[in-house]
Amino acid sequence: MRITILFFIALFFAGCTANRVKQPVETFTNPVLPSGADPYSFYKDGYYYYTHSAQNKLILWKTKSIAGLKNAEKKVVWTPPPHTAYSKELWAPQIHFINGKWYMYFAADDGNNYNHRMYVIENASPDPMQGRWEFKGKVADATNKWAIDADVFEHKGRLYMIWSGWEGNENGQQNIYIARMKNPWTIESERVKISSPELKWETHGRLPGQTPDQVNVNEGPQFLKHKDKIFIIYSASGCWTDHYTLGMLSTSTEADLLVASSWKKHPEPVFQAEPGSGVYAAGHNSFFKSPDGKEDWILYHANSEPGQGCGGHRSPRAQKFTWRKDGTPDFGKPLRTTQSLVIPSKK
């Protein structure tokens, strides 16, 4: 009997010792893909559905971890028919799950940038990699002005869209607008301008020899909610410059989102290029939670060399961020591509 008891005691301590042995930490390095501008992801049922600008089609990646995108399942889910108003220059797609169906929003034109508008497709399949994507049409407010970079979010049971657009019919300045939606493919309220590029860091946009030769930019707005605050993180200055950066608007969860004065602009950039780390033109972000829901991550694109502009050199990068005591996000600085990062925490 004594021998049996000693045997089980020995097994118990052996198990404790084994449990104390540290498991290897899984890490990754940026970029998460070799190239890809305007990265966006949506998490559902244990998978991230990721997409980015592909110009002439909409592509989805399906993965358990954003850090594993390079080996993820990938599929072209929709290609626009030729010779339509939305056949070319498909920019900044986003995927959302709303009222039991999948929606992908994107900007497109007919080859003429002046004709850029927002569009959406729909899929009723539980898995957006399966089923049929149906074109639902243009998503526009009554003015039907130039529009790109839509983000859609729900707040207090109402659906809203935010986007970057022109005040009139001429290029020269991109503003951030918000409107309430009747359903995922219809805007029902007037658009409200909540931000214009007016600060020095928002107005790097020289285009020598072109018409116009200066374009001031606010674009790529992204909804972010934390406790009793709502933030819109947006990209400022031209993506063709090395000054492309992130700014921030904020309001209370109790505010009327369709009142322009509800939104306050942070006077300084909240995330910007870090040349010392080899990160240039860091911008056009989105956000995601770790699989266990405990960590907040920012997903953005950047160039690795100066002067690379808005082309195919832009690559998606991810890094964890935290929150300050006053409830505002602390994104830190863009990290160099040689730095090993611990993968988002798992369930």
Protein backbone atom coordinates (compact mmCIF):
# COMPACT_ATOMS: atom_id res chain seq x y z
CA MET A 1 0.00 0.00 0.00
CA ARG A 2 2.80 2.38 0.97
CA ILE A 3 4.53 1.70 -2.35
CA THR A 4 1.31 2.41 -4.26
CA ILE A 5 0.82 5.77 -2.48
CA LEU A 6 4.42 6.79 -3.13
CA PHE A 7 3.99 5.84 -6.79
CA PHE A 8 0.98 8.14 -7.24
CA ILE A 9 2.68 10.96 -5.37
CA ALA A 10 5.63 10.63 -7.73
CA LEU A 11 3.28 10.75 -10.72
CA PHE A 12 1.58 13.88 -9.34
CA PHE A 13 4.84 15.81 -8.96
CA ALA A 14 6.04 14.62 -12.35
CA GLY A 15 2.86 16.05 -13.85
CA CYS A 16 3.33 19.35 -12.04
CA THR A 17 6.89 19.58 -13.32
CA ALA A 18 5.72 18.88 -16.87
CA ASN A 19 3.09 21.60 -16.60
CA ARG A 20 5.75 24.08 -15.53
CA VAL A 21 7.75 23.46 -18.69
CA LYS A 22 7.20 26.48 -20.89
CA GLN A 23 5.65 25.85 -24.25
CA PRO A 24 7.47 27.45 -27.17
CA VAL A 25 6.14 30.94 -27.95
CA GLU A 26 4.77 31.32 -31.48
CA THR A 27 6.01 34.44 -33.21
CA PHE A 28 5.78 36.18 -36.59
CA THR A 29 7.35 39.10 -38.39
CA ASN A 30 5.78 41.77 -40.54
CA PRO A 31 4.64 42.08 -43.23
CA VAL A 32 1.95 39.40 -42.98
CA LEU A 33 1.83 39.31 -46.81
CA PRO A 34 4.46 40.47 -49.32
CA SER A 35 2.11 43.17 -50.65
CA GLY A 36 -1.44 44.40 -50.23
CA ALA A 37 -2.85 47.87 -49.65
CA ASP A 38 -5.87 48.80 -47.51
CA PRO A 39 -5.95 45.62 -45.37
CA TYR A 40 -9.15 44.61 -43.60
CA SER A 41 -10.31 41.56 -41.63
CA PHE A 42 -13.49 40.29 -39.98
CA TYR A 43 -13.52 37.57 -37.30
CA LYS A 44 -16.34 35.01 -37.05
CA ASP A 45 -16.69 31.46 -35.76
CA GLY A 46 -12.97 30.96 -35.22
CA TYR A 47 -11.76 32.38 -38.54
CA TYR A 48 -10.49 35.70 -39.85
CA TYR A 49 -11.73 36.68 -43.30
CA TYR A 50 -9.15 39.05 -44.73
CA THR A 51 -9.14 41.19 -47.87
CA HIS A 52 -7.21 44.06 -49.47
CA SER A 53 -7.22 46.08 -52.69
CA ALA A 54 -6.67 43.93 -55.77
CA GLN A 55 -7.75 46.49 -58.41
CA ASN A 56 -9.84 44.27 -60.73
CA LYS A 57 -11.39 41.66 -58.41
CA LEU A 58 -12.33 40.89 -54.82
CA ILE A 59 -10.22 38.32 -52.97
CA LEU A 60 -10.79 36.68 -49.59
CA TRP A 61 -8.35 34.88 -47.32
CA LYS A 62 -9.57 32.54 -44.56
CA THR A 63 -7.28 31.90 -41.61
CA LYS A 64 -7.22 31.00 -37.91
CA SER A 65 -4.59 33.70 -37.36
CA ILE A 66 -3.74 36.94 -39.17
CA ALA A 67 -0.10 36.02 -38.52
CA GLY A 68 -0.62 32.97 -40.76
CA LEU A 69 -1.98 34.77 -43.82
CA LYS A 70 0.89 33.68 -46.06
CA ASN A 71 -0.30 30.07 -45.82
CA ALA A 72 -4.03 30.77 -45.65
CA GLU A 73 -6.79 29.59 -47.98
CA LYS A 74 -7.32 32.23 -50.67
CA LYS A 75 -10.10 32.70 -53.21
CA VAL A 76 -11.28 35.21 -55.80
CA VAL A 77 -14.91 35.57 -54.71
CA TRP A 78 -16.13 38.14 -57.25
CA THR A 79 -14.98 39.71 -60.50
CA PRO A 80 -16.94 42.66 -61.91
CA PRO A 81 -18.42 42.34 -65.41
CA PRO A 82 -16.56 44.39 -68.04
CA HIS A 83 -17.71 47.77 -69.36
CA THR A 84 -19.70 48.83 -66.29
CA ALA A 85 -19.43 51.79 -63.91
CA TYR A 86 -17.72 49.47 -61.42
CA SER A 87 -15.41 47.39 -63.63
CA LYS A 88 -12.10 48.99 -62.69
CA GLU A 89 -10.00 50.36 -59.83
CA LEU A 90 -11.65 48.31 -57.07
CA TRP A 91 -10.29 49.89 -53.90
CA ALA A 92 -10.35 49.19 -50.16
CA PRO A 93 -12.80 46.27 -49.95
CA GLN A 94 -14.27 45.39 -46.56
CA ILE A 95 -16.19 42.32 -45.46
CA HIS A 96 -18.95 42.46 -42.81
CA PHE A 97 -21.53 40.08 -41.39
CA ILE A 98 -24.84 41.93 -40.96
CA ASN A 99 -28.29 40.51 -40.17
CA GLY A 100 -27.24 36.96 -40.99
CA LYS A 101 -25.57 37.69 -44.34
CA TRP A 102 -22.13 38.60 -45.59
CA TYR A 103 -21.48 41.92 -47.35
CA MET A 104 -18.40 43.22 -49.15
CA TYR A 105 -18.15 46.96 -49.73
CA PHE A 106 -15.73 48.43 -52.23
CA ALA A 107 -15.06 51.55 -54.30
CA ALA A 108 -14.86 51.23 -58.09
CA ASP A 109 -15.07 53.21 -61.31
CA ASP A 110 -15.12 52.76 -65.09
CA GLY A 111 -11.47 53.72 -65.52
CA ASN A 112 -12.05 57.40 -64.76
CA ASN A 113 -11.24 58.28 -61.14
CA TYR A 114 -13.87 61.06 -61.19
CA ASN A 115 -16.49 58.32 -61.34
CA HIS A 116 -15.45 56.45 -58.18
CA ARG A 117 -18.46 55.39 -56.10
CA MET A 118 -19.20 52.80 -53.41
CA TYR A 119 -20.75 49.40 -54.20
CA VAL A 120 -21.69 46.26 -52.28
CA ILE A 121 -22.15 42.52 -52.90
CA GLU A 122 -24.05 40.04 -50.69
CA ASN A 123 -23.68 36.36 -49.79
CA ALA A 124 -26.20 34.35 -47.71
CA SER A 125 -23.84 31.38 -47.18
CA PRO A 126 -22.61 30.79 -43.59
CA ASP A 127 -19.09 30.64 -45.03
CA PRO A 128 -18.24 33.59 -47.34
CA MET A 129 -15.73 31.40 -49.17
CA GLN A 130 -18.71 29.35 -50.34
CA GLY A 131 -22.09 30.20 -51.82
CA ARG A 132 -22.86 32.90 -54.37
CA TRP A 133 -21.96 36.56 -54.13
CA GLU A 134 -24.73 38.75 -55.58
CA PHE A 135 -24.20 42.34 -56.73
CA LYS A 136 -26.58 44.57 -54.73
CA GLY A 137 -25.67 47.86 -56.39
CA LYS A 138 -24.32 51.31 -55.62
CA VAL A 139 -24.37 52.64 -52.06
CA ALA A 140 -24.69 56.43 -52.18
CA ASP A 141 -26.32 59.33 -50.39
CA ALA A 142 -28.58 61.76 -52.26
CA THR A 143 -25.68 63.90 -53.50
CA ASN A 144 -24.08 60.92 -55.30
CA LYS A 145 -20.63 62.53 -55.13
CA TRP A 146 -17.22 60.87 -55.51
CA ALA A 147 -16.78 58.34 -52.69
CA ILE A 148 -14.23 55.73 -51.55
CA ASP A 149 -13.11 53.83 -48.43
CA ALA A 150 -16.40 53.00 -46.74
CA ASP A 151 -16.62 51.43 -43.29
CA VAL A 152 -19.96 50.20 -41.92
CA PHE A 153 -20.78 49.79 -38.24
CA GLU A 154 -23.74 49.32 -35.89
CA HIS A 155 -24.37 51.55 -32.88
CA LYS A 156 -27.43 51.39 -30.64
CA GLY A 157 -29.32 49.27 -33.14
CA ARG A 158 -28.67 51.59 -36.07
CA LEU A 159 -26.36 51.04 -39.02
CA TYR A 160 -23.98 53.77 -40.16
CA MET A 161 -21.52 54.26 -43.00
CA ILE A 162 -18.44 56.48 -42.94
CA TRP A 163 -16.39 57.24 -46.06
CA SER A 164 -14.06 59.62 -47.85
CA GLY A 165 -15.59 61.92 -50.45
CA TRP A 166 -15.54 65.17 -52.36
CA GLU A 167 -17.68 68.15 -51.44
CA GLY A 168 -18.43 68.87 -55.10
CA ASN A 169 -17.45 67.39 -58.45
CA GLU A 170 -13.80 68.41 -58.60
CA ASN A 171 -10.72 66.80 -57.08
CA GLY A 172 -8.65 68.78 -54.62
CA GLN A 173 -9.83 67.72 -51.18
CA GLN A 174 -11.16 64.53 -49.58
CA ASN A 175 -13.34 64.82 -46.48
CA ILE A 176 -14.77 62.28 -44.04
CA TYR A 177 -18.56 61.86 -44.15
CA ILE A 178 -21.07 59.87 -42.10
CA ALA A 179 -24.67 58.81 -42.84
CA ARG A 180 -27.26 56.48 -41.37
CA MET A 181 -28.28 53.41 -43.36
CA LYS A 182 -31.74 51.93 -43.91
CA ASN A 183 -30.23 48.52 -44.66
CA PRO A 184 -26.77 47.23 -45.64
CA TRP A 185 -27.12 48.53 -49.21
CA THR A 186 -29.12 51.76 -48.74
CA ILE A 187 -28.21 55.12 -47.17
CA GLU A 188 -31.29 56.87 -45.76
CA SER A 189 -29.98 60.09 -44.18
CA GLU A 190 -28.16 63.08 -45.56
CA ARG A 191 -24.38 62.86 -45.43
CA VAL A 192 -22.67 64.87 -42.69
CA LYS A 193 -19.10 66.10 -43.04
CA ILE A 194 -17.22 65.39 -39.81
CA SER A 195 -13.60 66.03 -40.86
CA SER A 196 -11.64 67.98 -43.46
CA PRO A 197 -7.86 68.09 -43.94
CA GLU A 198 -6.93 71.37 -42.29
CA LEU A 199 -3.91 70.73 -40.07
CA LYS A 200 -0.36 70.81 -41.43
CA TRP A 201 0.18 67.06 -41.11
CA GLU A 202 -3.04 66.43 -43.07
CA THR A 203 -2.10 68.53 -46.09
CA HIS A 204 1.00 66.93 -47.59
CA GLY A 205 -0.35 66.35 -51.07
CA ARG A 206 1.74 68.01 -53.76
CA LEU A 207 1.35 66.56 -57.27
CA PRO A 208 3.80 68.55 -59.42
CA GLY A 209 2.81 68.76 -63.07
CA GLN A 210 -0.67 67.33 -62.52
CA THR A 211 -4.13 68.87 -62.37
CA PRO A 212 -4.84 69.60 -59.61
CA ASP A 213 -1.27 69.93 -58.34
CA GLN A 214 -2.30 69.73 -54.68
CA VAL A 215 -4.79 67.33 -53.08
CA ASN A 216 -5.47 67.45 -49.34
CA VAL A 217 -6.63 64.11 -47.98
CA ASN A 218 -8.72 62.60 -45.20
CA GLU A 219 -9.56 58.99 -46.14
CA GLY A 220 -9.80 55.38 -44.94
CA PRO A 221 -12.01 56.08 -41.86
CA GLN A 222 -12.32 53.20 -39.39
CA PHE A 223 -14.77 52.84 -36.51
CA LEU A 224 -13.32 51.94 -33.08
CA LYS A 225 -15.32 51.74 -29.85
CA HIS A 226 -13.95 51.50 -26.31
CA LYS A 227 -16.09 51.77 -23.18
CA ASP A 228 -17.99 55.09 -23.39
CA LYS A 229 -16.03 56.49 -26.33
CA ILE A 230 -16.24 56.16 -30.10
CA PHE A 231 -13.25 56.87 -32.31
CA ILE A 232 -12.79 57.20 -36.04
CA ILE A 233 -9.19 56.58 -37.06
CA TYR A 234 -8.50 57.95 -40.53
CA SER A 235 -5.61 58.38 -42.96
CA ALA A 236 -4.31 61.86 -43.70
CA SER A 237 -2.17 63.40 -46.46
CA GLY A 238 -1.59 61.82 -49.85
CA CYS A 239 -0.70 58.13 -50.02
CA TRP A 240 1.79 59.14 -52.73
CA THR A 241 3.82 60.97 -50.06
CA ASP A 242 5.96 59.60 -47.25
CA HIS A 243 3.80 61.68 -44.86
CA TYR A 244 0.75 59.40 -45.06
CA THR A 245 -0.33 59.02 -41.45
CA LEU A 246 -3.24 58.31 -39.08
CA GLY A 247 -5.43 60.89 -37.36
CA MET A 248 -8.26 60.49 -34.87
CA LEU A 249 -11.78 61.80 -34.30
CA SER A 250 -13.60 61.05 -31.07
CA THR A 251 -17.04 61.37 -29.50
CA SER A 252 -19.16 59.92 -26.71
CA THR A 253 -21.31 56.82 -27.12
CA GLU A 254 -24.23 59.03 -26.02
CA ALA A 255 -23.65 61.68 -28.70
CA ASP A 256 -25.65 62.11 -31.89
CA LEU A 257 -23.24 60.73 -34.49
CA LEU A 258 -24.91 62.73 -37.27
CA VAL A 259 -24.11 66.09 -35.65
CA ALA A 260 -20.75 67.35 -36.91
CA SER A 261 -19.96 69.22 -33.68
CA SER A 262 -20.15 65.91 -31.77
CA TRP A 263 -16.81 64.92 -33.27
CA LYS A 264 -13.52 66.30 -31.94
CA LYS A 265 -10.26 66.02 -33.88
CA HIS A 266 -7.03 65.08 -32.11
CA PRO A 267 -4.49 67.82 -32.90
CA GLU A 268 -1.59 65.47 -33.67
CA PRO A 269 -1.18 62.23 -35.64
CA VAL A 270 -1.82 59.08 -33.60
CA PHE A 271 0.32 56.74 -35.75
CA GLN A 272 2.89 57.74 -38.33
CA ALA A 273 5.94 56.72 -40.35
CA GLU A 274 9.03 55.56 -38.47
CA PRO A 275 11.95 55.98 -40.92
CA GLY A 276 14.43 54.76 -38.31
CA SER A 277 12.64 51.42 -38.36
CA GLY A 278 12.28 51.34 -42.15
CA VAL A 279 8.55 52.09 -42.12
CA TYR A 280 7.23 54.75 -44.50
CA ALA A 281 3.74 56.05 -45.34
CA ALA A 282 2.08 54.01 -42.57
CA GLY A 283 -1.68 54.29 -42.95
CA HIS A 284 -5.05 52.95 -44.13
CA ASN A 285 -5.65 50.77 -41.12
CA SER A 286 -8.31 48.50 -39.69
CA PHE A 287 -8.65 46.74 -36.33
CA PHE A 288 -9.11 43.21 -35.03
CA LYS A 289 -9.26 41.37 -31.71
CA SER A 290 -7.12 38.37 -30.83
CA PRO A 291 -8.94 34.99 -31.04
CA ASP A 292 -9.49 35.03 -27.26
CA GLY A 293 -10.88 38.58 -27.44
CA LYS A 294 -8.37 39.92 -24.92
CA GLU A 295 -5.97 41.83 -27.18
CA ASP A 296 -6.49 44.74 -29.56
CA TRP A 297 -4.52 44.83 -32.81
CA ILE A 298 -4.07 47.37 -35.58
CA LEU A 299 -3.70 46.20 -39.17
CA TYR A 300 -2.19 48.74 -41.58
CA HIS A 301 -0.13 49.06 -44.72
CA ALA A 302 3.25 50.73 -45.17
CA ASN A 303 6.22 50.99 -47.51
CA SER A 304 9.70 49.77 -46.67
CA GLU A 305 11.56 52.50 -48.56
CA PRO A 306 10.98 56.23 -49.05
CA GLY A 307 9.34 57.45 -52.24
CA GLN A 308 7.48 54.20 -53.02
CA GLY A 309 4.11 55.95 -53.14
CA CYS A 310 0.71 54.29 -53.63
CA GLY A 311 1.78 51.27 -55.66
CA GLY A 312 2.37 47.59 -55.07
CA HIS A 313 5.20 48.12 -52.58
CA ARG A 314 2.66 48.67 -49.80
CA SER A 315 2.37 45.64 -47.53
CA PRO A 316 0.04 44.74 -44.65
CA ARG A 317 1.46 44.74 -41.12
CA ALA A 318 -0.09 43.97 -37.74
CA GLN A 319 0.84 44.92 -34.19
CA LYS A 320 -0.81 44.98 -30.77
CA PHE A 321 -1.95 48.24 -29.19
CA THR A 322 -3.14 49.29 -25.74
CA TRP A 323 -5.36 51.90 -24.08
CA ARG A 324 -4.38 54.95 -22.05
CA LYS A 325 -5.96 55.80 -18.70
CA ASP A 326 -8.12 58.46 -20.37
CA GLY A 327 -9.68 55.79 -22.60
CA THR A 328 -7.89 56.76 -25.83
CA PRO A 329 -5.95 54.22 -27.93
CA ASP A 330 -2.16 54.08 -27.73
CA PHE A 331 -0.93 52.67 -31.05
CA GLY A 332 2.75 53.19 -30.29
CA LYS A 333 5.14 53.33 -33.23
CA PRO A 334 5.32 51.12 -36.33
CA LEU A 335 7.67 48.23 -35.65
CA ARG A 336 10.50 47.21 -37.95
CA THR A 337 10.02 44.13 -40.12
CA THR A 338 12.91 42.30 -38.44
CA GLN A 339 11.23 42.38 -35.03
CA SER A 340 9.65 39.12 -33.83
CA LEU A 341 6.14 39.55 -32.46
CA VAL A 342 4.15 37.11 -30.37
CA ILE A 343 1.09 35.96 -32.31
CA PRO A 344 -2.35 37.20 -31.12
CA SER A 345 -3.43 35.32 -27.99
CA LYS A 346 -5.49 32.19 -28.61
CA LYS A 347 -8.54 30.82 -26.83
